[in-house]
Amino acid sequence: KPAREHVLQLDLGSVGITDLGTFHP
């Protein structure tokens, strides 16, 4: 809750970014 007023959001799909990557060991 204390962080919510500072956090921004952006839908990457709305700007055409669909390759969201993969975490590999």
PDB file of all heavy atoms in Angstrom:
ATOM      1  N   LYS A   1       0.803  -1.223   0.000  1.00  0.00           N
ATOM      2  CA  LYS A   1       0.000   0.000   0.000  1.00  0.00           C
ATOM      3  C   LYS A   1       0.837   1.273   0.000  1.00  0.00           C
ATOM      4  O   LYS A   1       0.529   2.220  -0.743  1.00  0.00           O
ATOM      5  CB  LYS A   1      -0.967  -0.007   1.188  1.00  0.00           C
ATOM      6  CG  LYS A   1      -1.987   1.113   1.153  1.00  0.00           C
ATOM      7  CD  LYS A   1      -3.006   0.962   2.270  1.00  0.00           C
ATOM      8  CE  LYS A   1      -4.046   2.082   2.200  1.00  0.00           C
ATOM      9  NZ  LYS A   1      -5.067   1.928   3.283  1.00  0.00           N
ATOM     10  N   PRO A   2       1.913   1.398   0.784  1.00  0.00           N
ATOM     11  CA  PRO A   2       2.696   2.645   0.773  1.00  0.00           C
ATOM     12  C   PRO A   2       3.332   2.956  -0.581  1.00  0.00           C
ATOM     13  O   PRO A   2       3.661   4.111  -0.861  1.00  0.00           O
ATOM     14  CB  PRO A   2       3.769   2.405   1.841  1.00  0.00           C
ATOM     15  CG  PRO A   2       3.208   1.335   2.720  1.00  0.00           C
ATOM     16  CD  PRO A   2       2.408   0.459   1.812  1.00  0.00           C
ATOM     17  N   ALA A   3       3.509   1.935  -1.414  1.00  0.00           N
ATOM     18  CA  ALA A   3       4.177   2.151  -2.704  1.00  0.00           C
ATOM     19  C   ALA A   3       3.206   2.501  -3.821  1.00  0.00           C
ATOM     20  O   ALA A   3       3.618   2.991  -4.876  1.00  0.00           O
ATOM     21  CB  ALA A   3       4.962   0.892  -3.089  1.00  0.00           C
ATOM     22  N   ARG A   4       1.923   2.262  -3.633  1.00  0.00           N
ATOM     23  CA  ARG A   4       0.970   2.360  -4.750  1.00  0.00           C
ATOM     24  C   ARG A   4       0.904   3.752  -5.361  1.00  0.00           C
ATOM     25  O   ARG A   4       0.728   3.895  -6.571  1.00  0.00           O
ATOM     26  CB  ARG A   4      -0.420   1.909  -4.282  1.00  0.00           C
ATOM     27  CG  ARG A   4      -0.487   0.434  -3.942  1.00  0.00           C
ATOM     28  CD  ARG A   4      -1.824   0.045  -3.331  1.00  0.00           C
ATOM     29  NE  ARG A   4      -1.746  -1.297  -2.767  1.00  0.00           N
ATOM     30  CZ  ARG A   4      -2.676  -1.815  -1.965  1.00  0.00           C
ATOM     31  NH1 ARG A   4      -3.756  -1.099  -1.647  1.00  0.00           N
ATOM     32  NH2 ARG A   4      -2.532  -3.039  -1.488  1.00  0.00           N
ATOM     33  N   GLU A   5       1.031   4.784  -4.566  1.00  0.00           N
ATOM     34  CA  GLU A   5       0.942   6.130  -5.114  1.00  0.00           C
ATOM     35  C   GLU A   5       2.143   6.472  -5.995  1.00  0.00           C
ATOM     36  O   GLU A   5       2.086   7.406  -6.806  1.00  0.00           O
ATOM     37  CB  GLU A   5       0.827   7.153  -3.990  1.00  0.00           C
ATOM     38  CG  GLU A   5       2.062   7.214  -3.092  1.00  0.00           C
ATOM     39  CD  GLU A   5       1.909   8.268  -2.005  1.00  0.00           C
ATOM     40  OE1 GLU A   5       1.909   9.464  -2.346  1.00  0.00           O
ATOM     41  OE2 GLU A   5       1.791   7.868  -0.822  1.00  0.00           O
ATOM     42  N   HIS A   6       3.235   5.717  -5.871  1.00  0.00           N
ATOM     43  CA  HIS A   6       4.444   5.992  -6.651  1.00  0.00           C
ATOM     44  C   HIS A   6       4.533   5.146  -7.916  1.00  0.00           C
ATOM     45  O   HIS A   6       5.300   5.477  -8.826  1.00  0.00           O
ATOM     46  CB  HIS A   6       5.685   5.715  -5.796  1.00  0.00           C
ATOM     47  CG  HIS A   6       5.724   6.480  -4.513  1.00  0.00           C
ATOM     48  ND1 HIS A   6       5.995   7.828  -4.470  1.00  0.00           N
ATOM     49  CD2 HIS A   6       5.505   6.081  -3.221  1.00  0.00           C
ATOM     50  CE1 HIS A   6       5.960   8.240  -3.198  1.00  0.00           C
ATOM     51  NE2 HIS A   6       5.661   7.195  -2.431  1.00  0.00           N
ATOM     52  N   VAL A   7       3.804   4.047  -7.959  1.00  0.00           N
ATOM     53  CA  VAL A   7       3.945   3.085  -9.050  1.00  0.00           C
ATOM     54  C   VAL A   7       3.084   3.495 -10.239  1.00  0.00           C
ATOM     55  O   VAL A   7       1.914   3.853 -10.088  1.00  0.00           O
ATOM     56  CB  VAL A   7       3.566   1.667  -8.571  1.00  0.00           C
ATOM     57  CG1 VAL A   7       3.581   0.684  -9.750  1.00  0.00           C
ATOM     58  CG2 VAL A   7       4.531   1.198  -7.485  1.00  0.00           C
ATOM     59  N   LEU A   8       3.688   3.417 -11.421  1.00  0.00           N
ATOM     60  CA  LEU A   8       2.979   3.678 -12.671  1.00  0.00           C
ATOM     61  C   LEU A   8       2.776   2.361 -13.423  1.00  0.00           C
ATOM     62  O   LEU A   8       3.461   1.369 -13.143  1.00  0.00           O
ATOM     63  CB  LEU A   8       3.775   4.645 -13.541  1.00  0.00           C
ATOM     64  CG  LEU A   8       4.120   6.001 -12.921  1.00  0.00           C
ATOM     65  CD1 LEU A   8       4.942   6.834 -13.898  1.00  0.00           C
ATOM     66  CD2 LEU A   8       2.864   6.752 -12.503  1.00  0.00           C
ATOM     67  N   GLN A   9       1.861   2.369 -14.373  1.00  0.00           N
ATOM     68  CA  GLN A   9       1.587   1.152 -15.130  1.00  0.00           C
ATOM     69  C   GLN A   9       1.526   1.454 -16.623  1.00  0.00           C
ATOM     70  O   GLN A   9       1.222   2.575 -17.037  1.00  0.00           O
ATOM     71  CB  GLN A   9       0.261   0.524 -14.684  1.00  0.00           C
ATOM     72  CG  GLN A   9      -0.960   1.376 -14.999  1.00  0.00           C
ATOM     73  CD  GLN A   9      -2.264   0.744 -14.540  1.00  0.00           C
ATOM     74  OE1 GLN A   9      -2.346   0.235 -13.414  1.00  0.00           O
ATOM     75  NE2 GLN A   9      -3.271   0.755 -15.398  1.00  0.00           N
ATOM     76  N   LEU A  10       1.839   0.427 -17.419  1.00  0.00           N
ATOM     77  CA  LEU A  10       1.740   0.534 -18.871  1.00  0.00           C
ATOM     78  C   LEU A  10       1.463  -0.849 -19.428  1.00  0.00           C
ATOM     79  O   LEU A  10       2.187  -1.806 -19.125  1.00  0.00           O
ATOM     80  CB  LEU A  10       3.041   1.086 -19.472  1.00  0.00           C
ATOM     81  CG  LEU A  10       3.100   1.139 -20.999  1.00  0.00           C
ATOM     82  CD1 LEU A  10       2.068   2.126 -21.547  1.00  0.00           C
ATOM     83  CD2 LEU A  10       4.503   1.521 -21.473  1.00  0.00           C
ATOM     84  N   ASP A  11       0.430  -0.972 -20.246  1.00  0.00           N
ATOM     85  CA  ASP A  11       0.107  -2.226 -20.912  1.00  0.00           C
ATOM     86  C   ASP A  11       1.003  -2.355 -22.143  1.00  0.00           C
ATOM     87  O   ASP A  11       0.826  -1.634 -23.125  1.00  0.00           O
ATOM     88  CB  ASP A  11      -1.369  -2.231 -21.308  1.00  0.00           C
ATOM     89  CG  ASP A  11      -1.788  -3.519 -22.007  1.00  0.00           C
ATOM     90  OD1 ASP A  11      -0.933  -4.404 -22.204  1.00  0.00           O
ATOM     91  OD2 ASP A  11      -2.983  -3.638 -22.355  1.00  0.00           O
ATOM     92  N   LEU A  12       1.970  -3.264 -22.088  1.00  0.00           N
ATOM     93  CA  LEU A  12       2.893  -3.411 -23.211  1.00  0.00           C
ATOM     94  C   LEU A  12       2.164  -3.881 -24.467  1.00  0.00           C
ATOM     95  O   LEU A  12       2.550  -3.541 -25.585  1.00  0.00           O
ATOM     96  CB  LEU A  12       4.019  -4.383 -22.853  1.00  0.00           C
ATOM     97  CG  LEU A  12       4.980  -3.933 -21.756  1.00  0.00           C
ATOM     98  CD1 LEU A  12       6.142  -4.919 -21.633  1.00  0.00           C
ATOM     99  CD2 LEU A  12       5.508  -2.533 -22.017  1.00  0.00           C
ATOM    100  N   GLY A  13       1.122  -4.662 -24.313  1.00  0.00           N
ATOM    101  CA  GLY A  13       0.354  -5.085 -25.473  1.00  0.00           C
ATOM    102  C   GLY A  13      -0.273  -3.922 -26.209  1.00  0.00           C
ATOM    103  O   GLY A  13      -0.378  -3.938 -27.442  1.00  0.00           O
ATOM    104  N   SER A  14      -0.645  -2.877 -25.475  1.00  0.00           N
ATOM    105  CA  SER A  14      -1.285  -1.721 -26.106  1.00  0.00           C
ATOM    106  C   SER A  14      -0.315  -0.919 -26.956  1.00  0.00           C
ATOM    107  O   SER A  14      -0.742  -0.128 -27.798  1.00  0.00           O
ATOM    108  CB  SER A  14      -1.907  -0.817 -25.034  1.00  0.00           C
ATOM    109  OG  SER A  14      -0.896  -0.155 -24.271  1.00  0.00           O
ATOM    110  N   VAL A  15       0.996  -1.109 -26.753  1.00  0.00           N
ATOM    111  CA  VAL A  15       1.997  -0.402 -27.568  1.00  0.00           C
ATOM    112  C   VAL A  15       2.696  -1.365 -28.520  1.00  0.00           C
ATOM    113  O   VAL A  15       3.760  -1.062 -29.063  1.00  0.00           O
ATOM    114  CB  VAL A  15       3.016   0.342 -26.678  1.00  0.00           C
ATOM    115  CG1 VAL A  15       2.326   1.447 -25.898  1.00  0.00           C
ATOM    116  CG2 VAL A  15       3.743  -0.620 -25.733  1.00  0.00           C
ATOM    117  N   GLY A  16       2.098  -2.541 -28.715  1.00  0.00           N
ATOM    118  CA  GLY A  16       2.581  -3.468 -29.719  1.00  0.00           C
ATOM    119  C   GLY A  16       3.702  -4.387 -29.296  1.00  0.00           C
ATOM    120  O   GLY A  16       4.310  -5.045 -30.136  1.00  0.00           O
ATOM    121  N   ILE A  17       3.986  -4.475 -28.003  1.00  0.00           N
ATOM    122  CA  ILE A  17       5.049  -5.360 -27.521  1.00  0.00           C
ATOM    123  C   ILE A  17       4.412  -6.649 -27.031  1.00  0.00           C
ATOM    124  O   ILE A  17       3.666  -6.658 -26.041  1.00  0.00           O
ATOM    125  CB  ILE A  17       5.870  -4.695 -26.415  1.00  0.00           C
ATOM    126  CG1 ILE A  17       6.609  -3.474 -26.972  1.00  0.00           C
ATOM    127  CG2 ILE A  17       6.869  -5.686 -25.807  1.00  0.00           C
ATOM    128  CD1 ILE A  17       7.370  -2.676 -25.944  1.00  0.00           C
ATOM    129  N   THR A  18       4.681  -7.725 -27.732  1.00  0.00           N
ATOM    130  CA  THR A  18       4.082  -9.015 -27.386  1.00  0.00           C
ATOM    131  C   THR A  18       5.105 -10.042 -26.915  1.00  0.00           C
ATOM    132  O   THR A  18       4.729 -11.031 -26.279  1.00  0.00           O
ATOM    133  CB  THR A  18       3.323  -9.587 -28.598  1.00  0.00           C
ATOM    134  OG1 THR A  18       4.222  -9.707 -29.709  1.00  0.00           O
ATOM    135  CG2 THR A  18       2.172  -8.664 -28.984  1.00  0.00           C
ATOM    136  N   ASP A  19       6.377  -9.854 -27.247  1.00  0.00           N
ATOM    137  CA  ASP A  19       7.425 -10.771 -26.794  1.00  0.00           C
ATOM    138  C   ASP A  19       7.876 -10.330 -25.407  1.00  0.00           C
ATOM    139  O   ASP A  19       8.695  -9.416 -25.263  1.00  0.00           O
ATOM    140  CB  ASP A  19       8.601 -10.762 -27.773  1.00  0.00           C
ATOM    141  CG  ASP A  19       9.696 -11.739 -27.381  1.00  0.00           C
ATOM    142  OD1 ASP A  19       9.568 -12.381 -26.319  1.00  0.00           O
ATOM    143  OD2 ASP A  19      10.685 -11.854 -28.126  1.00  0.00           O
ATOM    144  N   LEU A  20       7.320 -10.966 -24.397  1.00  0.00           N
ATOM    145  CA  LEU A  20       7.572 -10.546 -23.023  1.00  0.00           C
ATOM    146  C   LEU A  20       8.775 -11.231 -22.391  1.00  0.00           C
ATOM    147  O   LEU A  20       9.055 -11.024 -21.213  1.00  0.00           O
ATOM    148  CB  LEU A  20       6.318 -10.788 -22.172  1.00  0.00           C
ATOM    149  CG  LEU A  20       5.044 -10.114 -22.703  1.00  0.00           C
ATOM    150  CD1 LEU A  20       3.880 -10.373 -21.749  1.00  0.00           C
ATOM    151  CD2 LEU A  20       5.244  -8.615 -22.906  1.00  0.00           C
ATOM    152  N   GLY A  21       9.480 -12.045 -23.171  1.00  0.00           N
ATOM    153  CA  GLY A  21      10.724 -12.612 -22.687  1.00  0.00           C
ATOM    154  C   GLY A  21      10.536 -13.849 -21.835  1.00  0.00           C
ATOM    155  O   GLY A  21       9.421 -14.187 -21.410  1.00  0.00           O
ATOM    156  N   THR A  22      11.660 -14.511 -21.571  1.00  0.00           N
ATOM    157  CA  THR A  22      11.668 -15.747 -20.788  1.00  0.00           C
ATOM    158  C   THR A  22      12.815 -15.698 -19.790  1.00  0.00           C
ATOM    159  O   THR A  22      13.921 -15.277 -20.126  1.00  0.00           O
ATOM    160  CB  THR A  22      11.857 -16.972 -21.702  1.00  0.00           C
ATOM    161  OG1 THR A  22      10.800 -16.997 -22.672  1.00  0.00           O
ATOM    162  CG2 THR A  22      11.839 -18.266 -20.900  1.00  0.00           C
ATOM    163  N   PHE A  23      12.543 -16.134 -18.580  1.00  0.00           N
ATOM    164  CA  PHE A  23      13.604 -16.267 -17.584  1.00  0.00           C
ATOM    165  C   PHE A  23      14.265 -17.632 -17.771  1.00  0.00           C
ATOM    166  O   PHE A  23      13.620 -18.667 -17.653  1.00  0.00           O
ATOM    167  CB  PHE A  23      13.053 -16.157 -16.165  1.00  0.00           C
ATOM    168  CG  PHE A  23      12.593 -14.778 -15.799  1.00  0.00           C
ATOM    169  CD1 PHE A  23      11.245 -14.486 -15.701  1.00  0.00           C
ATOM    170  CD2 PHE A  23      13.509 -13.773 -15.546  1.00  0.00           C
ATOM    171  CE1 PHE A  23      10.815 -13.220 -15.363  1.00  0.00           C
ATOM    172  CE2 PHE A  23      13.092 -12.499 -15.207  1.00  0.00           C
ATOM    173  CZ  PHE A  23      11.743 -12.224 -15.113  1.00  0.00           C
ATOM    174  N   HIS A  24      15.565 -17.614 -18.072  1.00  0.00           N
ATOM    175  CA  HIS A  24      16.323 -18.851 -18.219  1.00  0.00           C
ATOM    176  C   HIS A  24      17.254 -19.010 -17.019  1.00  0.00           C
ATOM    177  O   HIS A  24      17.776 -18.014 -16.492  1.00  0.00           O
ATOM    178  CB  HIS A  24      17.171 -18.814 -19.488  1.00  0.00           C
ATOM    179  CG  HIS A  24      16.388 -18.668 -20.748  1.00  0.00           C
ATOM    180  ND1 HIS A  24      15.711 -19.715 -21.332  1.00  0.00           N
ATOM    181  CD2 HIS A  24      16.179 -17.595 -21.552  1.00  0.00           C
ATOM    182  CE1 HIS A  24      15.122 -19.310 -22.436  1.00  0.00           C
ATOM    183  NE2 HIS A  24      15.390 -18.021 -22.597  1.00  0.00           N
ATOM    184  N   PRO A  25      17.511 -20.256 -16.599  1.00  0.00           N
ATOM    185  CA  PRO A  25      18.552 -20.444 -15.577  1.00  0.00           C
ATOM    186  C   PRO A  25      19.872 -19.913 -16.101  1.00  0.00           C
ATOM    187  O   PRO A  25      20.253 -20.205 -17.239  1.00  0.00           O
ATOM    188  CB  PRO A  25      18.600 -21.968 -15.405  1.00  0.00           C
ATOM    189  CG  PRO A  25      17.295 -22.464 -15.925  1.00  0.00           C
ATOM    190  CD  PRO A  25      16.901 -21.519 -17.017  1.00  0.00           C
TER     191      PRO A  25
END
